[in-house]
Amino acid sequence: MIPPPAPEPSFDLADLVGNPPDAAVPRLEAEGFDVQVVNQDETSFVTLDWRPTRIRLFTRAGVVVEARQG
């Protein structure tokens, strides 16, 4: 069985870089994504499982430095 294609956000995730995660989380959740904010000032460990409905926002000093789907 072939899995369904991964959903795509309606905007480029790179647009989130440089902004606080609080602004991005409601926008992504409204599109049906599970959002995980990873504060790299405290930890950088994440699981490697693939979940196409998950968006991870990696932050440093309170701003998004990277956003990844999966």
PDB file of N, CA and C in Angstrom:
ATOM      1  N   MET A   1       0.836  -1.170   0.000  1.00  0.00           N
ATOM      2  CA  MET A   1       0.000   0.000   0.000  1.00  0.00           C
ATOM      3  C   MET A   1       0.889   1.245   0.000  1.00  0.00           C
ATOM      4  N   ILE A   2       0.571   2.177  -0.858  1.00  0.00           N
ATOM      5  CA  ILE A   2       1.312   3.439  -0.950  1.00  0.00           C
ATOM      6  C   ILE A   2       0.653   4.453  -0.022  1.00  0.00           C
ATOM      7  N   PRO A   3       1.451   5.083   0.846  1.00  0.00           N
ATOM      8  CA  PRO A   3       0.863   6.073   1.754  1.00  0.00           C
ATOM      9  C   PRO A   3       0.415   7.311   0.980  1.00  0.00           C
ATOM     10  N   PRO A   4      -0.569   8.026   1.508  1.00  0.00           N
ATOM     11  CA  PRO A   4      -1.007   9.247   0.825  1.00  0.00           C
ATOM     12  C   PRO A   4       0.113  10.290   0.843  1.00  0.00           C
ATOM     13  N   PRO A   5       0.082  11.222  -0.093  1.00  0.00           N
ATOM     14  CA  PRO A   5       1.134  12.239  -0.109  1.00  0.00           C
ATOM     15  C   PRO A   5       1.078  13.109   1.142  1.00  0.00           C
ATOM     16  N   ALA A   6       2.221  13.612   1.529  1.00  0.00           N
ATOM     17  CA  ALA A   6       2.302  14.472   2.708  1.00  0.00           C
ATOM     18  C   ALA A   6       1.592  15.790   2.429  1.00  0.00           C
ATOM     19  N   PRO A   7       0.842  16.298   3.408  1.00  0.00           N
ATOM     20  CA  PRO A   7       0.212  17.600   3.215  1.00  0.00           C
ATOM     21  C   PRO A   7       1.283  18.690   3.145  1.00  0.00           C
ATOM     22  N   GLU A   8       0.992  19.734   2.438  1.00  0.00           N
ATOM     23  CA  GLU A   8       1.934  20.843   2.310  1.00  0.00           C
ATOM     24  C   GLU A   8       1.350  22.077   2.977  1.00  0.00           C
ATOM     25  N   PRO A   9       2.171  22.808   3.731  1.00  0.00           N
ATOM     26  CA  PRO A   9       1.683  24.079   4.285  1.00  0.00           C
ATOM     27  C   PRO A   9       1.374  25.053   3.147  1.00  0.00           C
ATOM     28  N   SER A  10       0.520  26.017   3.408  1.00  0.00           N
ATOM     29  CA  SER A  10       0.129  26.979   2.368  1.00  0.00           C
ATOM     30  C   SER A  10       1.175  28.074   2.173  1.00  0.00           C
ATOM     31  N   PHE A  11       2.288  28.000   2.890  1.00  0.00           N
ATOM     32  CA  PHE A  11       3.345  28.996   2.788  1.00  0.00           C
ATOM     33  C   PHE A  11       4.684  28.310   2.950  1.00  0.00           C
ATOM     34  N   ASP A  12       5.734  28.992   2.584  1.00  0.00           N
ATOM     35  CA  ASP A  12       7.088  28.445   2.682  1.00  0.00           C
ATOM     36  C   ASP A  12       7.535  28.465   4.147  1.00  0.00           C
ATOM     37  N   LEU A  13       7.965  27.325   4.658  1.00  0.00           N
ATOM     38  CA  LEU A  13       8.415  27.255   6.054  1.00  0.00           C
ATOM     39  C   LEU A  13       9.598  28.174   6.324  1.00  0.00           C
ATOM     40  N   ALA A  14      10.383  28.497   5.320  1.00  0.00           N
ATOM     41  CA  ALA A  14      11.519  29.403   5.499  1.00  0.00           C
ATOM     42  C   ALA A  14      11.059  30.801   5.917  1.00  0.00           C
ATOM     43  N   ASP A  15       9.802  31.140   5.616  1.00  0.00           N
ATOM     44  CA  ASP A  15       9.265  32.441   6.024  1.00  0.00           C
ATOM     45  C   ASP A  15       9.155  32.571   7.543  1.00  0.00           C
ATOM     46  N   LEU A  16       9.202  31.460   8.266  1.00  0.00           N
ATOM     47  CA  LEU A  16       9.078  31.484   9.719  1.00  0.00           C
ATOM     48  C   LEU A  16      10.397  31.823  10.407  1.00  0.00           C
ATOM     49  N   VAL A  17      11.500  31.655   9.706  1.00  0.00           N
ATOM     50  CA  VAL A  17      12.822  31.891  10.291  1.00  0.00           C
ATOM     51  C   VAL A  17      12.968  33.368  10.662  1.00  0.00           C
ATOM     52  N   GLY A  18      13.463  33.595  11.880  1.00  0.00           N
ATOM     53  CA  GLY A  18      13.676  34.946  12.366  1.00  0.00           C
ATOM     54  C   GLY A  18      12.506  35.506  13.157  1.00  0.00           C
ATOM     55  N   ASN A  19      11.411  34.747  13.227  1.00  0.00           N
ATOM     56  CA  ASN A  19      10.222  35.186  13.958  1.00  0.00           C
ATOM     57  C   ASN A  19      10.036  34.342  15.212  1.00  0.00           C
ATOM     58  N   PRO A  20       9.315  34.861  16.206  1.00  0.00           N
ATOM     59  CA  PRO A  20       9.050  34.055  17.397  1.00  0.00           C
ATOM     60  C   PRO A  20       8.111  32.899  17.047  1.00  0.00           C
ATOM     61  N   PRO A  21       8.284  31.745  17.682  1.00  0.00           N
ATOM     62  CA  PRO A  21       7.432  30.596  17.365  1.00  0.00           C
ATOM     63  C   PRO A  21       5.972  30.819  17.734  1.00  0.00           C
ATOM     64  N   ASP A  22       5.696  31.697  18.702  1.00  0.00           N
ATOM     65  CA  ASP A  22       4.309  31.944  19.107  1.00  0.00           C
ATOM     66  C   ASP A  22       3.442  32.427  17.951  1.00  0.00           C
ATOM     67  N   ALA A  23       4.029  33.102  16.991  1.00  0.00           N
ATOM     68  CA  ALA A  23       3.277  33.584  15.838  1.00  0.00           C
ATOM     69  C   ALA A  23       2.998  32.455  14.847  1.00  0.00           C
ATOM     70  N   ALA A  24       3.892  31.479  14.767  1.00  0.00           N
ATOM     71  CA  ALA A  24       3.769  30.415  13.775  1.00  0.00           C
ATOM     72  C   ALA A  24       2.880  29.267  14.228  1.00  0.00           C
ATOM     73  N   VAL A  25       2.897  28.949  15.511  1.00  0.00           N
ATOM     74  CA  VAL A  25       2.184  27.767  16.010  1.00  0.00           C
ATOM     75  C   VAL A  25       0.695  27.806  15.669  1.00  0.00           C
ATOM     76  N   PRO A  26      -0.050  28.883  15.969  1.00  0.00           N
ATOM     77  CA  PRO A  26      -1.482  28.876  15.641  1.00  0.00           C
ATOM     78  C   PRO A  26      -1.746  28.772  14.140  1.00  0.00           C
ATOM     79  N   ARG A  27      -0.893  29.392  13.354  1.00  0.00           N
ATOM     80  CA  ARG A  27      -1.049  29.341  11.896  1.00  0.00           C
ATOM     81  C   ARG A  27      -0.900  27.909  11.370  1.00  0.00           C
ATOM     82  N   LEU A  28       0.112  27.208  11.862  1.00  0.00           N
ATOM     83  CA  LEU A  28       0.334  25.820  11.434  1.00  0.00           C
ATOM     84  C   LEU A  28      -0.747  24.883  11.967  1.00  0.00           C
ATOM     85  N   GLU A  29      -1.143  25.071  13.218  1.00  0.00           N
ATOM     86  CA  GLU A  29      -2.195  24.225  13.787  1.00  0.00           C
ATOM     87  C   GLU A  29      -3.511  24.423  13.056  1.00  0.00           C
ATOM     88  N   ALA A  30      -3.800  25.629  12.611  1.00  0.00           N
ATOM     89  CA  ALA A  30      -5.025  25.894  11.856  1.00  0.00           C
ATOM     90  C   ALA A  30      -5.037  25.151  10.526  1.00  0.00           C
ATOM     91  N   GLU A  31      -3.850  24.847  10.015  1.00  0.00           N
ATOM     92  CA  GLU A  31      -3.741  24.084   8.765  1.00  0.00           C
ATOM     93  C   GLU A  31      -3.723  22.574   9.022  1.00  0.00           C
ATOM     94  N   GLY A  32      -3.835  22.176  10.285  1.00  0.00           N
ATOM     95  CA  GLY A  32      -3.922  20.759  10.610  1.00  0.00           C
ATOM     96  C   GLY A  32      -2.612  20.082  10.965  1.00  0.00           C
ATOM     97  N   PHE A  33      -1.556  20.842  11.161  1.00  0.00           N
ATOM     98  CA  PHE A  33      -0.263  20.259  11.507  1.00  0.00           C
ATOM     99  C   PHE A  33      -0.100  20.159  13.022  1.00  0.00           C
ATOM    100  N   ASP A  34       0.627  19.127  13.456  1.00  0.00           N
ATOM    101  CA  ASP A  34       1.079  19.028  14.843  1.00  0.00           C
ATOM    102  C   ASP A  34       2.395  19.801  14.894  1.00  0.00           C
ATOM    103  N   VAL A  35       2.519  20.705  15.845  1.00  0.00           N
ATOM    104  CA  VAL A  35       3.699  21.563  15.902  1.00  0.00           C
ATOM    105  C   VAL A  35       4.516  21.216  17.137  1.00  0.00           C
ATOM    106  N   GLN A  36       5.808  21.068  16.948  1.00  0.00           N
ATOM    107  CA  GLN A  36       6.724  20.813  18.046  1.00  0.00           C
ATOM    108  C   GLN A  36       7.794  21.906  18.025  1.00  0.00           C
ATOM    109  N   VAL A  37       7.904  22.644  19.125  1.00  0.00           N
ATOM    110  CA  VAL A  37       8.926  23.675  19.247  1.00  0.00           C
ATOM    111  C   VAL A  37      10.111  23.081  19.998  1.00  0.00           C
ATOM    112  N   VAL A  38      11.270  23.110  19.371  1.00  0.00           N
ATOM    113  CA  VAL A  38      12.486  22.541  19.955  1.00  0.00           C
ATOM    114  C   VAL A  38      13.419  23.703  20.294  1.00  0.00           C
ATOM    115  N   ASN A  39      13.589  23.946  21.584  1.00  0.00           N
ATOM    116  CA  ASN A  39      14.459  25.025  22.045  1.00  0.00           C
ATOM    117  C   ASN A  39      15.894  24.513  22.052  1.00  0.00           C
ATOM    118  N   GLN A  40      16.688  24.946  21.097  1.00  0.00           N
ATOM    119  CA  GLN A  40      18.063  24.450  20.990  1.00  0.00           C
ATOM    120  C   GLN A  40      18.994  25.090  22.011  1.00  0.00           C
ATOM    121  N   ASP A  41      18.489  26.066  22.766  1.00  0.00           N
ATOM    122  CA  ASP A  41      19.289  26.595  23.868  1.00  0.00           C
ATOM    123  C   ASP A  41      19.347  25.577  25.002  1.00  0.00           C
ATOM    124  N   GLU A  42      18.346  24.693  25.063  1.00  0.00           N
ATOM    125  CA  GLU A  42      18.267  23.701  26.136  1.00  0.00           C
ATOM    126  C   GLU A  42      18.587  22.287  25.667  1.00  0.00           C
ATOM    127  N   THR A  43      18.080  21.903  24.508  1.00  0.00           N
ATOM    128  CA  THR A  43      18.280  20.543  24.008  1.00  0.00           C
ATOM    129  C   THR A  43      18.267  20.538  22.492  1.00  0.00           C
ATOM    130  N   SER A  44      18.915  19.562  21.908  1.00  0.00           N
ATOM    131  CA  SER A  44      18.879  19.438  20.454  1.00  0.00           C
ATOM    132  C   SER A  44      18.512  18.021  20.030  1.00  0.00           C
ATOM    133  N   PHE A  45      18.054  17.211  20.967  1.00  0.00           N
ATOM    134  CA  PHE A  45      17.711  15.837  20.652  1.00  0.00           C
ATOM    135  C   PHE A  45      16.255  15.742  20.214  1.00  0.00           C
ATOM    136  N   VAL A  46      16.034  15.086  19.086  1.00  0.00           N
ATOM    137  CA  VAL A  46      14.683  14.820  18.595  1.00  0.00           C
ATOM    138  C   VAL A  46      14.651  13.406  18.042  1.00  0.00           C
ATOM    139  N   THR A  47      13.464  12.838  17.968  1.00  0.00           N
ATOM    140  CA  THR A  47      13.334  11.514  17.375  1.00  0.00           C
ATOM    141  C   THR A  47      13.465  11.628  15.866  1.00  0.00           C
ATOM    142  N   LEU A  48      13.820  10.536  15.229  1.00  0.00           N
ATOM    143  CA  LEU A  48      14.011  10.539  13.783  1.00  0.00           C
ATOM    144  C   LEU A  48      12.839   9.931  13.025  1.00  0.00           C
ATOM    145  N   ASP A  49      11.732   9.666  13.730  1.00  0.00           N
ATOM    146  CA  ASP A  49      10.580   9.110  13.033  1.00  0.00           C
ATOM    147  C   ASP A  49       9.979  10.151  12.095  1.00  0.00           C
ATOM    148  N   TRP A  50       9.412   9.671  10.995  1.00  0.00           N
ATOM    149  CA  TRP A  50       8.828  10.540   9.981  1.00  0.00           C
ATOM    150  C   TRP A  50       7.327  10.649  10.204  1.00  0.00           C
ATOM    151  N   ARG A  51       6.866  11.861  10.420  1.00  0.00           N
ATOM    152  CA  ARG A  51       5.432  12.131  10.557  1.00  0.00           C
ATOM    153  C   ARG A  51       5.112  13.317   9.661  1.00  0.00           C
ATOM    154  N   PRO A  52       4.502  13.080   8.513  1.00  0.00           N
ATOM    155  CA  PRO A  52       4.297  14.166   7.554  1.00  0.00           C
ATOM    156  C   PRO A  52       3.392  15.287   8.060  1.00  0.00           C
ATOM    157  N   THR A  53       2.618  15.027   9.093  1.00  0.00           N
ATOM    158  CA  THR A  53       1.742  16.078   9.623  1.00  0.00           C
ATOM    159  C   THR A  53       2.398  16.863  10.753  1.00  0.00           C
ATOM    160  N   ARG A  54       3.687  16.615  11.000  1.00  0.00           N
ATOM    161  CA  ARG A  54       4.397  17.336  12.065  1.00  0.00           C
ATOM    162  C   ARG A  54       5.309  18.398  11.455  1.00  0.00           C
ATOM    163  N   ILE A  55       5.308  19.565  12.084  1.00  0.00           N
ATOM    164  CA  ILE A  55       6.254  20.626  11.751  1.00  0.00           C
ATOM    165  C   ILE A  55       7.069  20.891  13.010  1.00  0.00           C
ATOM    166  N   ARG A  56       8.378  20.834  12.873  1.00  0.00           N
ATOM    167  CA  ARG A  56       9.256  21.165  14.001  1.00  0.00           C
ATOM    168  C   ARG A  56       9.836  22.552  13.781  1.00  0.00           C
ATOM    169  N   LEU A  57       9.721  23.365  14.815  1.00  0.00           N
ATOM    170  CA  LEU A  57      10.303  24.700  14.804  1.00  0.00           C
ATOM    171  C   LEU A  57      11.497  24.690  15.748  1.00  0.00           C
ATOM    172  N   PHE A  58      12.688  24.805  15.214  1.00  0.00           N
ATOM    173  CA  PHE A  58      13.902  24.836  16.022  1.00  0.00           C
ATOM    174  C   PHE A  58      14.183  26.298  16.359  1.00  0.00           C
ATOM    175  N   THR A  59      14.344  26.581  17.658  1.00  0.00           N
ATOM    176  CA  THR A  59      14.530  27.962  18.095  1.00  0.00           C
ATOM    177  C   THR A  59      15.831  28.142  18.859  1.00  0.00           C
ATOM    178  N   ARG A  60      16.333  29.347  18.800  1.00  0.00           N
ATOM    179  CA  ARG A  60      17.466  29.798  19.626  1.00  0.00           C
ATOM    180  C   ARG A  60      17.173  31.241  20.006  1.00  0.00           C
ATOM    181  N   ALA A  61      17.392  31.549  21.261  1.00  0.00           N
ATOM    182  CA  ALA A  61      17.169  32.903  21.779  1.00  0.00           C
ATOM    183  C   ALA A  61      15.765  33.410  21.461  1.00  0.00           C
ATOM    184  N   GLY A  62      14.789  32.491  21.437  1.00  0.00           N
ATOM    185  CA  GLY A  62      13.393  32.879  21.279  1.00  0.00           C
ATOM    186  C   GLY A  62      12.917  33.122  19.862  1.00  0.00           C
ATOM    187  N   VAL A  63      13.748  32.815  18.864  1.00  0.00           N
ATOM    188  CA  VAL A  63      13.306  32.975  17.479  1.00  0.00           C
ATOM    189  C   VAL A  63      13.551  31.680  16.701  1.00  0.00           C
ATOM    190  N   VAL A  64      12.765  31.467  15.671  1.00  0.00           N
ATOM    191  CA  VAL A  64      12.891  30.279  14.835  1.00  0.00           C
ATOM    192  C   VAL A  64      14.156  30.408  13.990  1.00  0.00           C
ATOM    193  N   VAL A  65      15.000  29.377  14.061  1.00  0.00           N
ATOM    194  CA  VAL A  65      16.215  29.338  13.236  1.00  0.00           C
ATOM    195  C   VAL A  65      16.086  28.315  12.100  1.00  0.00           C
ATOM    196  N   GLU A  66      15.124  27.396  12.243  1.00  0.00           N
ATOM    197  CA  GLU A  66      14.884  26.396  11.207  1.00  0.00           C
ATOM    198  C   GLU A  66      13.490  25.816  11.412  1.00  0.00           C
ATOM    199  N   ALA A  67      12.817  25.503  10.323  1.00  0.00           N
ATOM    200  CA  ALA A  67      11.504  24.853  10.365  1.00  0.00           C
ATOM    201  C   ALA A  67      11.544  23.671   9.408  1.00  0.00           C
ATOM    202  N   ARG A  68      11.127  22.499   9.914  1.00  0.00           N
ATOM    203  CA  ARG A  68      11.171  21.270   9.113  1.00  0.00           C
ATOM    204  C   ARG A  68       9.850  20.520   9.217  1.00  0.00           C
ATOM    205  N   GLN A  69       9.437  19.971   8.098  1.00  0.00           N
ATOM    206  CA  GLN A  69       8.263  19.106   8.088  1.00  0.00           C
ATOM    207  C   GLN A  69       8.717  17.669   8.245  1.00  0.00           C
ATOM    208  N   GLY A  70       7.974  16.904   9.016  1.00  0.00           N
ATOM    209  CA  GLY A  70       8.291  15.501   9.186  1.00  0.00           C
ATOM    210  C   GLY A  70       8.589  15.194  10.582  1.00  0.00           C
TER     211      GLY A  70
END
